[in-house]
């Protein structure tokens, strides 16, 4: 009986390790062309006409740089997570950047429909290219030294984003 139990535990552990390896491999494949190492620095204009550098790194803080497209359904689903993280993790600077839009009005409509808290920056093809963004949404966690500590593409839960931010803080 004990031998059967140990065999089942080994089988379950092997399956969990296999699942983790597949998920890790898929994540690597999805993010292989995204920026890594030192983060690009883009001077962008927000929806109110204010200029700022993205990422806007500050001493002792990390930045979450989030790229979205107004037509992206997954982006709509994830926006609530960003607003909650902004409230629950005030030590994380969130910079939201619009890419692949037709007009400023499209971006404004998306921001209003999804109750996105400002600032929201207007990116361009150079911004997307510098960061290696080819799918939406794309997330980057950048530390105070402008080093990209984490990157992912696609939907991330609030817990997933918070885990990436915690991981970045832990190794910063």
N, C-alpha and C. Protein backbone atom coordinates (compact mmCIF):
# COMPACT_ATOMS: atom_id res chain seq x y z
N UNK A 1 0.83 -1.20 0.00
CA UNK A 1 0.00 0.00 0.00
C UNK A 1 0.87 1.26 0.00
N UNK A 2 1.88 1.28 0.89
CA UNK A 2 2.77 2.43 0.98
C UNK A 2 3.53 2.62 -0.34
N UNK A 3 3.93 1.51 -0.96
CA UNK A 3 4.66 1.56 -2.23
C UNK A 3 3.80 2.17 -3.34
N UNK A 4 2.51 1.84 -3.38
CA UNK A 4 1.57 2.39 -4.37
C UNK A 4 1.40 3.89 -4.16
N UNK A 5 1.29 4.31 -2.91
CA UNK A 5 1.14 5.73 -2.58
C UNK A 5 2.37 6.53 -3.04
N UNK A 6 3.56 6.03 -2.76
CA UNK A 6 4.79 6.71 -3.16
C UNK A 6 4.88 6.78 -4.69
N UNK A 7 4.48 5.72 -5.36
CA UNK A 7 4.50 5.71 -6.83
C UNK A 7 3.55 6.78 -7.39
N UNK A 8 2.38 6.91 -6.79
CA UNK A 8 1.42 7.93 -7.24
C UNK A 8 1.96 9.34 -7.02
N UNK A 9 2.59 9.56 -5.87
CA UNK A 9 3.18 10.87 -5.57
C UNK A 9 4.25 11.20 -6.61
N UNK A 10 5.09 10.25 -6.93
CA UNK A 10 6.14 10.47 -7.93
C UNK A 10 5.52 10.79 -9.29
N UNK A 11 4.45 10.08 -9.64
CA UNK A 11 3.78 10.32 -10.92
C UNK A 11 3.20 11.73 -10.96
N UNK A 12 2.54 12.15 -9.89
CA UNK A 12 1.95 13.49 -9.83
C UNK A 12 3.04 14.55 -9.89
N UNK A 13 4.11 14.37 -9.15
CA UNK A 13 5.22 15.34 -9.19
C UNK A 13 5.83 15.43 -10.58
N UNK A 14 6.00 14.31 -11.24
CA UNK A 14 6.53 14.32 -12.61
C UNK A 14 5.59 15.08 -13.54
N UNK A 15 4.29 14.85 -13.42
CA UNK A 15 3.31 15.54 -14.26
C UNK A 15 3.32 17.04 -13.99
N UNK A 16 3.42 17.43 -12.74
CA UNK A 16 3.48 18.86 -12.41
C UNK A 16 4.74 19.50 -12.98
N UNK A 17 5.87 18.80 -12.89
CA UNK A 17 7.11 19.34 -13.46
C UNK A 17 7.00 19.44 -14.98
N UNK A 18 6.35 18.48 -15.61
CA UNK A 18 6.16 18.52 -17.06
C UNK A 18 5.27 19.69 -17.46
N UNK A 19 4.19 19.90 -16.72
CA UNK A 19 3.30 21.04 -16.99
C UNK A 19 4.05 22.35 -16.82
N UNK A 20 4.83 22.48 -15.75
CA UNK A 20 5.61 23.70 -15.51
C UNK A 20 6.61 23.93 -16.64
N UNK A 21 7.24 22.87 -17.13
CA UNK A 21 8.20 23.01 -18.23
C UNK A 21 7.49 23.46 -19.51
N UNK A 22 6.32 22.93 -19.78
CA UNK A 22 5.57 23.33 -20.99
C UNK A 22 5.15 24.79 -20.88
N UNK A 23 4.63 25.19 -19.73
CA UNK A 23 4.21 26.58 -19.54
C UNK A 23 5.41 27.52 -19.65
N UNK A 24 6.52 27.15 -19.02
CA UNK A 24 7.74 27.95 -19.12
C UNK A 24 8.24 28.07 -20.55
N UNK A 25 8.20 26.98 -21.28
CA UNK A 25 8.60 26.99 -22.69
C UNK A 25 7.70 27.87 -23.54
N UNK A 26 6.40 27.81 -23.29
CA UNK A 26 5.46 28.66 -24.03
C UNK A 26 5.70 30.13 -23.72
N UNK A 27 5.94 30.44 -22.45
CA UNK A 27 6.21 31.83 -22.08
C UNK A 27 7.50 32.33 -22.73
N UNK A 28 8.53 31.50 -22.72
CA UNK A 28 9.78 31.88 -23.38
C UNK A 28 9.53 32.15 -24.87
N UNK A 29 8.78 31.27 -25.52
CA UNK A 29 8.51 31.42 -26.95
C UNK A 29 7.75 32.72 -27.23
N UNK A 30 6.75 33.03 -26.40
CA UNK A 30 5.95 34.24 -26.61
C UNK A 30 6.73 35.52 -26.37
N UNK A 31 7.72 35.47 -25.49
CA UNK A 31 8.44 36.70 -25.11
C UNK A 31 9.83 36.80 -25.70
N UNK A 32 10.21 35.89 -26.57
CA UNK A 32 11.59 35.82 -27.04
C UNK A 32 12.05 37.06 -27.81
N UNK A 33 11.14 37.82 -28.42
CA UNK A 33 11.52 39.02 -29.17
C UNK A 33 11.27 40.31 -28.39
N UNK A 34 10.77 40.17 -27.18
CA UNK A 34 10.50 41.36 -26.36
C UNK A 34 11.80 41.87 -25.76
N UNK A 35 11.83 43.18 -25.49
CA UNK A 35 13.03 43.81 -24.91
C UNK A 35 13.41 43.12 -23.61
N UNK A 36 14.70 43.04 -23.36
CA UNK A 36 15.21 42.50 -22.10
C UNK A 36 16.47 43.27 -21.73
N UNK A 37 16.95 43.08 -20.52
CA UNK A 37 18.12 43.83 -20.07
C UNK A 37 17.73 45.26 -19.75
N UNK A 38 18.52 46.21 -20.21
CA UNK A 38 18.20 47.63 -20.00
C UNK A 38 16.96 48.00 -20.80
N UNK A 39 16.05 48.69 -20.13
CA UNK A 39 14.79 49.04 -20.80
C UNK A 39 15.00 50.19 -21.77
N UNK A 40 14.26 50.17 -22.89
CA UNK A 40 14.27 51.35 -23.76
C UNK A 40 13.68 52.54 -22.99
N UNK A 41 14.02 53.73 -23.39
CA UNK A 41 13.46 54.93 -22.78
C UNK A 41 12.76 55.69 -23.88
N UNK A 42 11.47 55.89 -23.73
CA UNK A 42 10.67 56.56 -24.74
C UNK A 42 10.07 57.83 -24.15
N UNK A 43 10.22 58.95 -24.86
CA UNK A 43 9.55 60.17 -24.43
C UNK A 43 8.20 60.20 -25.13
N UNK A 44 7.14 60.16 -24.35
CA UNK A 44 5.78 60.08 -24.89
C UNK A 44 4.92 61.20 -24.33
N UNK A 45 3.80 61.42 -25.01
CA UNK A 45 2.82 62.41 -24.59
C UNK A 45 1.60 61.66 -24.05
N UNK A 46 1.09 62.11 -22.90
CA UNK A 46 -0.11 61.46 -22.38
C UNK A 46 -1.36 62.09 -22.99
N UNK A 47 -2.51 61.58 -22.63
CA UNK A 47 -3.76 62.05 -23.23
C UNK A 47 -4.08 63.49 -22.86
N UNK A 48 -3.42 64.02 -21.83
CA UNK A 48 -3.64 65.41 -21.43
C UNK A 48 -2.61 66.36 -22.04
N UNK A 49 -1.69 65.81 -22.86
CA UNK A 49 -0.69 66.63 -23.53
C UNK A 49 0.60 66.81 -22.76
N UNK A 50 0.75 66.09 -21.62
CA UNK A 50 1.97 66.19 -20.82
C UNK A 50 3.02 65.21 -21.34
N UNK A 51 4.25 65.66 -21.38
CA UNK A 51 5.35 64.81 -21.84
C UNK A 51 6.00 64.11 -20.65
N UNK A 52 6.40 62.85 -20.87
CA UNK A 52 7.08 62.09 -19.81
C UNK A 52 7.90 60.98 -20.45
N UNK A 53 8.89 60.52 -19.70
CA UNK A 53 9.67 59.38 -20.14
C UNK A 53 9.04 58.10 -19.60
N UNK A 54 8.99 57.09 -20.46
CA UNK A 54 8.50 55.77 -20.07
C UNK A 54 9.62 54.79 -20.33
N UNK A 55 10.08 54.03 -19.34
CA UNK A 55 9.57 54.04 -17.97
C UNK A 55 10.10 55.24 -17.19
N UNK A 56 9.27 55.70 -16.29
CA UNK A 56 9.65 56.80 -15.40
C UNK A 56 10.13 56.17 -14.10
N UNK A 57 11.39 55.76 -14.08
CA UNK A 57 11.92 55.05 -12.91
C UNK A 57 12.28 56.03 -11.81
N UNK A 58 12.00 55.61 -10.58
CA UNK A 58 12.30 56.43 -9.41
C UNK A 58 13.01 55.57 -8.37
N UNK A 59 13.82 56.20 -7.57
CA UNK A 59 14.60 55.52 -6.55
C UNK A 59 13.70 54.69 -5.63
N UNK A 60 14.07 53.42 -5.47
CA UNK A 60 13.36 52.55 -4.54
C UNK A 60 12.02 52.04 -5.04
N UNK A 61 11.70 52.27 -6.29
CA UNK A 61 10.39 51.86 -6.82
C UNK A 61 10.59 51.02 -8.07
N UNK A 62 9.56 50.26 -8.40
CA UNK A 62 9.57 49.54 -9.66
C UNK A 62 8.44 50.09 -10.52
N UNK A 63 8.57 49.87 -11.82
CA UNK A 63 7.57 50.35 -12.77
C UNK A 63 6.95 49.16 -13.49
N UNK A 64 5.66 49.24 -13.69
CA UNK A 64 4.95 48.30 -14.54
C UNK A 64 4.58 49.07 -15.80
N UNK A 65 5.16 48.67 -16.93
CA UNK A 65 4.86 49.32 -18.21
C UNK A 65 3.93 48.37 -18.95
N UNK A 66 2.73 48.85 -19.25
CA UNK A 66 1.66 48.04 -19.84
C UNK A 66 1.31 48.59 -21.22
N UNK A 67 1.46 47.78 -22.25
CA UNK A 67 1.12 48.18 -23.62
C UNK A 67 -0.20 47.53 -24.01
N UNK A 68 -1.07 48.35 -24.60
CA UNK A 68 -2.37 47.84 -25.04
C UNK A 68 -2.75 48.44 -26.39
N UNK A 69 -3.75 47.82 -27.02
CA UNK A 69 -4.35 48.37 -28.23
C UNK A 69 -5.85 48.53 -27.96
N UNK A 70 -6.45 49.63 -28.40
CA UNK A 70 -7.87 49.88 -28.09
C UNK A 70 -8.83 48.81 -28.61
N UNK A 71 -8.45 48.10 -29.65
CA UNK A 71 -9.31 47.08 -30.23
C UNK A 71 -9.14 45.71 -29.57
N UNK A 72 -8.22 45.60 -28.62
CA UNK A 72 -7.84 44.31 -28.01
C UNK A 72 -8.83 43.90 -26.92
N UNK A 73 -9.52 42.79 -27.13
CA UNK A 73 -10.47 42.29 -26.15
C UNK A 73 -9.82 41.85 -24.85
N UNK A 74 -8.66 41.22 -24.94
CA UNK A 74 -7.95 40.77 -23.73
C UNK A 74 -7.50 41.99 -22.92
N UNK A 75 -7.13 43.07 -23.61
CA UNK A 75 -6.73 44.29 -22.91
C UNK A 75 -7.89 44.82 -22.07
N UNK A 76 -9.10 44.77 -22.62
CA UNK A 76 -10.28 45.23 -21.88
C UNK A 76 -10.46 44.43 -20.60
N UNK A 77 -10.24 43.12 -20.69
CA UNK A 77 -10.40 42.25 -19.53
C UNK A 77 -9.36 42.53 -18.44
N UNK A 78 -8.18 42.94 -18.84
CA UNK A 78 -7.10 43.10 -17.87
C UNK A 78 -7.03 44.49 -17.24
N UNK A 79 -7.73 45.46 -17.78
CA UNK A 79 -7.63 46.83 -17.27
C UNK A 79 -8.06 46.98 -15.82
N UNK A 80 -9.08 46.25 -15.41
CA UNK A 80 -9.52 46.32 -14.02
C UNK A 80 -8.41 45.89 -13.06
N UNK A 81 -7.63 44.90 -13.49
CA UNK A 81 -6.51 44.45 -12.66
C UNK A 81 -5.51 45.58 -12.42
N UNK A 82 -5.24 46.36 -13.45
CA UNK A 82 -4.28 47.46 -13.31
C UNK A 82 -4.78 48.52 -12.33
N UNK A 83 -6.06 48.85 -12.42
CA UNK A 83 -6.61 49.84 -11.48
C UNK A 83 -6.54 49.33 -10.05
N UNK A 84 -6.82 48.04 -9.84
CA UNK A 84 -6.74 47.47 -8.50
C UNK A 84 -5.30 47.46 -7.99
N UNK A 85 -4.36 47.11 -8.85
CA UNK A 85 -2.94 47.09 -8.45
C UNK A 85 -2.48 48.49 -8.09
N UNK A 86 -2.94 49.47 -8.85
CA UNK A 86 -2.57 50.86 -8.56
C UNK A 86 -3.01 51.25 -7.15
N UNK A 87 -4.19 50.77 -6.74
CA UNK A 87 -4.69 51.09 -5.40
C UNK A 87 -4.01 50.25 -4.32
N UNK A 88 -3.77 48.97 -4.60
CA UNK A 88 -3.24 48.06 -3.58
C UNK A 88 -1.73 48.08 -3.47
N UNK A 89 -1.03 48.52 -4.51
CA UNK A 89 0.43 48.55 -4.49
C UNK A 89 0.90 49.95 -4.89
N UNK A 90 0.72 50.93 -4.01
CA UNK A 90 1.08 52.31 -4.37
C UNK A 90 2.57 52.52 -4.63
N UNK A 91 3.40 51.55 -4.24
CA UNK A 91 4.84 51.67 -4.48
C UNK A 91 5.24 51.19 -5.88
N UNK A 92 4.27 50.75 -6.68
CA UNK A 92 4.53 50.34 -8.06
C UNK A 92 3.99 51.43 -8.99
N UNK A 93 4.86 52.00 -9.81
CA UNK A 93 4.44 53.03 -10.77
C UNK A 93 3.91 52.32 -12.02
N UNK A 94 2.67 52.57 -12.36
CA UNK A 94 2.07 51.95 -13.53
C UNK A 94 2.02 52.96 -14.66
N UNK A 95 2.62 52.60 -15.79
CA UNK A 95 2.61 53.44 -16.98
C UNK A 95 1.91 52.66 -18.09
N UNK A 96 0.80 53.20 -18.54
CA UNK A 96 -0.03 52.54 -19.54
C UNK A 96 0.22 53.23 -20.88
N UNK A 97 0.54 52.43 -21.89
CA UNK A 97 0.91 52.97 -23.21
C UNK A 97 0.01 52.37 -24.28
N UNK A 98 -0.65 53.23 -25.04
CA UNK A 98 -1.48 52.80 -26.17
C UNK A 98 -0.61 52.63 -27.41
N UNK A 99 -0.81 51.54 -28.10
CA UNK A 99 -0.15 51.28 -29.38
C UNK A 99 -1.20 50.79 -30.37
N UNK A 100 -0.87 50.82 -31.62
CA UNK A 100 -1.72 50.23 -32.68
C UNK A 100 -3.15 50.78 -32.66
N UNK A 101 -3.26 52.09 -32.60
CA UNK A 101 -4.56 52.77 -32.58
C UNK A 101 -4.71 53.59 -33.85
N UNK A 102 -5.95 53.91 -34.19
CA UNK A 102 -6.20 54.73 -35.38
C UNK A 102 -6.22 56.21 -35.06
N UNK A 103 -6.70 56.56 -33.88
CA UNK A 103 -6.75 57.98 -33.52
C UNK A 103 -6.73 58.13 -32.00
N UNK A 104 -6.44 59.34 -31.57
CA UNK A 104 -6.46 59.65 -30.14
C UNK A 104 -7.87 59.45 -29.58
N UNK A 105 -8.88 59.72 -30.41
CA UNK A 105 -10.26 59.52 -29.97
C UNK A 105 -10.54 58.05 -29.64
N UNK A 106 -9.96 57.12 -30.43
CA UNK A 106 -10.12 55.69 -30.15
C UNK A 106 -9.55 55.36 -28.77
N UNK A 107 -8.39 55.92 -28.49
CA UNK A 107 -7.74 55.66 -27.21
C UNK A 107 -8.57 56.27 -26.08
N UNK A 108 -9.02 57.50 -26.26
CA UNK A 108 -9.85 58.17 -25.24
C UNK A 108 -11.12 57.36 -24.96
N UNK A 109 -11.75 56.86 -26.00
CA UNK A 109 -12.97 56.07 -25.84
C UNK A 109 -12.67 54.80 -25.03
N UNK A 110 -11.58 54.13 -25.36
CA UNK A 110 -11.17 52.92 -24.63
C UNK A 110 -10.91 53.25 -23.16
N UNK A 111 -10.19 54.32 -22.91
CA UNK A 111 -9.86 54.74 -21.54
C UNK A 111 -11.14 55.04 -20.76
N UNK A 112 -12.06 55.77 -21.37
CA UNK A 112 -13.32 56.11 -20.69
C UNK A 112 -14.19 54.89 -20.47
N UNK A 113 -14.31 54.04 -21.49
CA UNK A 113 -15.14 52.83 -21.37
C UNK A 113 -14.64 51.89 -20.29
N UNK A 114 -13.33 51.84 -20.10
CA UNK A 114 -12.74 50.90 -19.16
C UNK A 114 -12.31 51.54 -17.85
N UNK A 115 -12.66 52.82 -17.67
CA UNK A 115 -12.38 53.55 -16.43
C UNK A 115 -10.91 53.46 -16.02
N UNK A 116 -10.05 53.69 -16.98
CA UNK A 116 -8.61 53.61 -16.74
C UNK A 116 -8.17 54.90 -16.06
N UNK A 117 -7.41 54.72 -14.99
CA UNK A 117 -6.90 55.87 -14.26
C UNK A 117 -5.66 56.41 -14.97
N UNK A 118 -5.59 57.74 -15.18
CA UNK A 118 -4.44 58.32 -15.87
C UNK A 118 -3.15 58.18 -15.07
N UNK A 119 -2.04 58.38 -15.70
CA UNK A 119 -1.85 58.80 -17.08
C UNK A 119 -1.85 57.61 -18.05
N UNK A 120 -2.26 57.90 -19.27
CA UNK A 120 -2.19 56.95 -20.38
C UNK A 120 -1.41 57.64 -21.49
N UNK A 121 -0.37 56.99 -21.96
CA UNK A 121 0.53 57.59 -22.94
C UNK A 121 0.23 57.09 -24.35
N UNK A 122 0.49 57.97 -25.31
CA UNK A 122 0.28 57.64 -26.72
C UNK A 122 1.61 57.17 -27.31
N UNK A 123 1.74 55.85 -27.46
CA UNK A 123 2.94 55.30 -28.07
C UNK A 123 2.84 55.38 -29.59
N UNK A 124 3.88 54.93 -30.26
CA UNK A 124 3.91 54.91 -31.72
C UNK A 124 4.65 53.67 -32.19
N UNK A 125 4.83 53.53 -33.50
CA UNK A 125 5.49 52.32 -34.02
C UNK A 125 6.93 52.19 -33.52
N UNK A 126 7.59 53.31 -33.26
CA UNK A 126 8.96 53.27 -32.75
C UNK A 126 8.97 52.75 -31.31
N UNK A 127 7.99 53.16 -30.53
CA UNK A 127 7.88 52.70 -29.15
C UNK A 127 7.68 51.19 -29.12
N UNK A 128 6.71 50.72 -29.89
CA UNK A 128 6.43 49.28 -29.94
C UNK A 128 7.63 48.48 -30.41
N UNK A 129 8.32 49.00 -31.40
CA UNK A 129 9.49 48.31 -31.94
C UNK A 129 10.63 48.27 -30.92
N UNK A 130 10.88 49.38 -30.25
CA UNK A 130 11.97 49.43 -29.26
C UNK A 130 11.74 48.44 -28.12
N UNK A 131 10.50 48.27 -27.72
CA UNK A 131 10.17 47.36 -26.64
C UNK A 131 9.94 45.93 -27.13
N UNK A 132 9.84 45.74 -28.43
CA UNK A 132 9.60 44.41 -28.97
C UNK A 132 8.18 43.93 -28.77
N UNK A 133 7.24 44.85 -28.76
CA UNK A 133 5.84 44.49 -28.55
C UNK A 133 5.23 44.06 -29.88
N UNK A 134 4.73 42.84 -29.92
CA UNK A 134 4.10 42.33 -31.14
C UNK A 134 2.71 41.76 -30.87
N UNK A 135 2.31 41.72 -29.60
CA UNK A 135 0.99 41.23 -29.22
C UNK A 135 0.53 42.00 -27.99
N UNK A 136 -0.78 41.95 -27.75
CA UNK A 136 -1.36 42.75 -26.66
C UNK A 136 -2.19 41.86 -25.75
N UNK A 137 -2.24 42.26 -24.48
CA UNK A 137 -1.40 43.23 -23.81
C UNK A 137 0.00 42.68 -23.56
N UNK A 138 0.96 43.58 -23.43
CA UNK A 138 2.33 43.22 -23.08
C UNK A 138 2.71 43.98 -21.82
N UNK A 139 3.33 43.27 -20.89
CA UNK A 139 3.71 43.84 -19.59
C UNK A 139 5.21 43.76 -19.41
N UNK A 140 5.77 44.78 -18.81
CA UNK A 140 7.19 44.78 -18.43
C UNK A 140 7.29 45.29 -17.00
N UNK A 141 8.05 44.62 -16.18
CA UNK A 141 8.38 45.11 -14.85
C UNK A 141 9.81 45.63 -14.93
N UNK A 142 10.00 46.92 -14.60
CA UNK A 142 11.29 47.58 -14.71
C UNK A 142 11.70 48.07 -13.32
N UNK A 143 12.94 47.76 -12.93
CA UNK A 143 13.40 48.17 -11.60
C UNK A 143 13.94 49.60 -11.61
N UNK A 144 14.39 50.06 -10.45
CA UNK A 144 14.86 51.45 -10.30
C UNK A 144 16.10 51.75 -11.12
N UNK A 145 16.80 50.72 -11.58
CA UNK A 145 18.00 50.90 -12.40
C UNK A 145 17.70 50.78 -13.89
N UNK A 146 16.42 50.80 -14.25
CA UNK A 146 15.94 50.68 -15.63
C UNK A 146 16.26 49.32 -16.26
N UNK A 147 16.30 48.29 -15.43
CA UNK A 147 16.52 46.92 -15.91
C UNK A 147 15.18 46.20 -15.94
N UNK A 148 14.88 45.57 -17.07
CA UNK A 148 13.64 44.80 -17.19
C UNK A 148 13.81 43.52 -16.37
N UNK A 149 12.98 43.37 -15.36
CA UNK A 149 13.05 42.21 -14.47
C UNK A 149 12.06 41.12 -14.85
N UNK A 150 11.01 41.49 -15.56
CA UNK A 150 10.00 40.52 -15.95
C UNK A 150 9.27 41.05 -17.17
N UNK A 151 8.79 40.14 -17.99
CA UNK A 151 8.01 40.54 -19.17
C UNK A 151 7.07 39.39 -19.50
N UNK A 152 5.91 39.76 -19.95
CA UNK A 152 4.93 38.75 -20.34
C UNK A 152 3.97 39.35 -21.34
N UNK A 153 3.28 38.49 -22.03
CA UNK A 153 2.31 38.91 -23.03
C UNK A 153 1.03 38.12 -22.83
N UNK A 154 -0.10 38.75 -23.08
CA UNK A 154 -1.39 38.10 -22.90
C UNK A 154 -1.98 38.46 -21.54
N UNK A 155 -3.11 37.85 -21.25
CA UNK A 155 -3.81 38.16 -20.01
C UNK A 155 -2.98 37.74 -18.80
N UNK A 156 -2.94 38.60 -17.81
CA UNK A 156 -2.35 38.28 -16.52
C UNK A 156 -3.34 38.69 -15.45
N UNK A 157 -3.55 37.81 -14.50
CA UNK A 157 -4.45 38.12 -13.39
C UNK A 157 -3.78 39.14 -12.48
N UNK A 158 -4.58 39.71 -11.60
CA UNK A 158 -4.03 40.65 -10.62
C UNK A 158 -2.96 39.95 -9.79
N UNK A 159 -3.24 38.72 -9.38
CA UNK A 159 -2.26 37.96 -8.60
C UNK A 159 -0.99 37.73 -9.40
N UNK A 160 -1.12 37.41 -10.68
CA UNK A 160 0.05 37.17 -11.53
C UNK A 160 0.93 38.41 -11.65
N UNK A 161 0.31 39.55 -11.85
CA UNK A 161 1.06 40.80 -11.97
C UNK A 161 1.73 41.14 -10.64
N UNK A 162 0.99 40.95 -9.55
CA UNK A 162 1.55 41.24 -8.23
C UNK A 162 2.73 40.31 -7.93
N UNK A 163 2.63 39.07 -8.38
CA UNK A 163 3.72 38.12 -8.19
C UNK A 163 4.97 38.55 -8.97
N UNK A 164 4.78 39.01 -10.20
CA UNK A 164 5.91 39.52 -11.00
C UNK A 164 6.54 40.73 -10.30
N UNK A 165 5.71 41.63 -9.77
CA UNK A 165 6.23 42.81 -9.09
C UNK A 165 6.97 42.42 -7.81
N UNK A 166 6.42 41.48 -7.07
CA UNK A 166 7.09 41.00 -5.85
C UNK A 166 8.44 40.38 -6.20
N UNK A 167 8.46 39.57 -7.24
CA UNK A 167 9.69 38.90 -7.70
C UNK A 167 10.74 39.96 -8.06
N UNK A 168 10.33 41.00 -8.77
CA UNK A 168 11.26 42.06 -9.16
C UNK A 168 11.82 42.78 -7.93
N UNK A 169 10.96 43.05 -6.95
CA UNK A 169 11.41 43.71 -5.72
C UNK A 169 12.37 42.84 -4.93
N UNK A 170 12.10 41.55 -4.93
CA UNK A 170 12.92 40.61 -4.19
C UNK A 170 14.36 40.58 -4.71
N UNK A 171 14.52 40.71 -6.02
CA UNK A 171 15.84 40.62 -6.62
C UNK A 171 16.41 41.97 -7.02
N UNK A 172 15.82 43.04 -6.55
CA UNK A 172 16.30 44.37 -6.87
C UNK A 172 17.28 44.85 -5.83
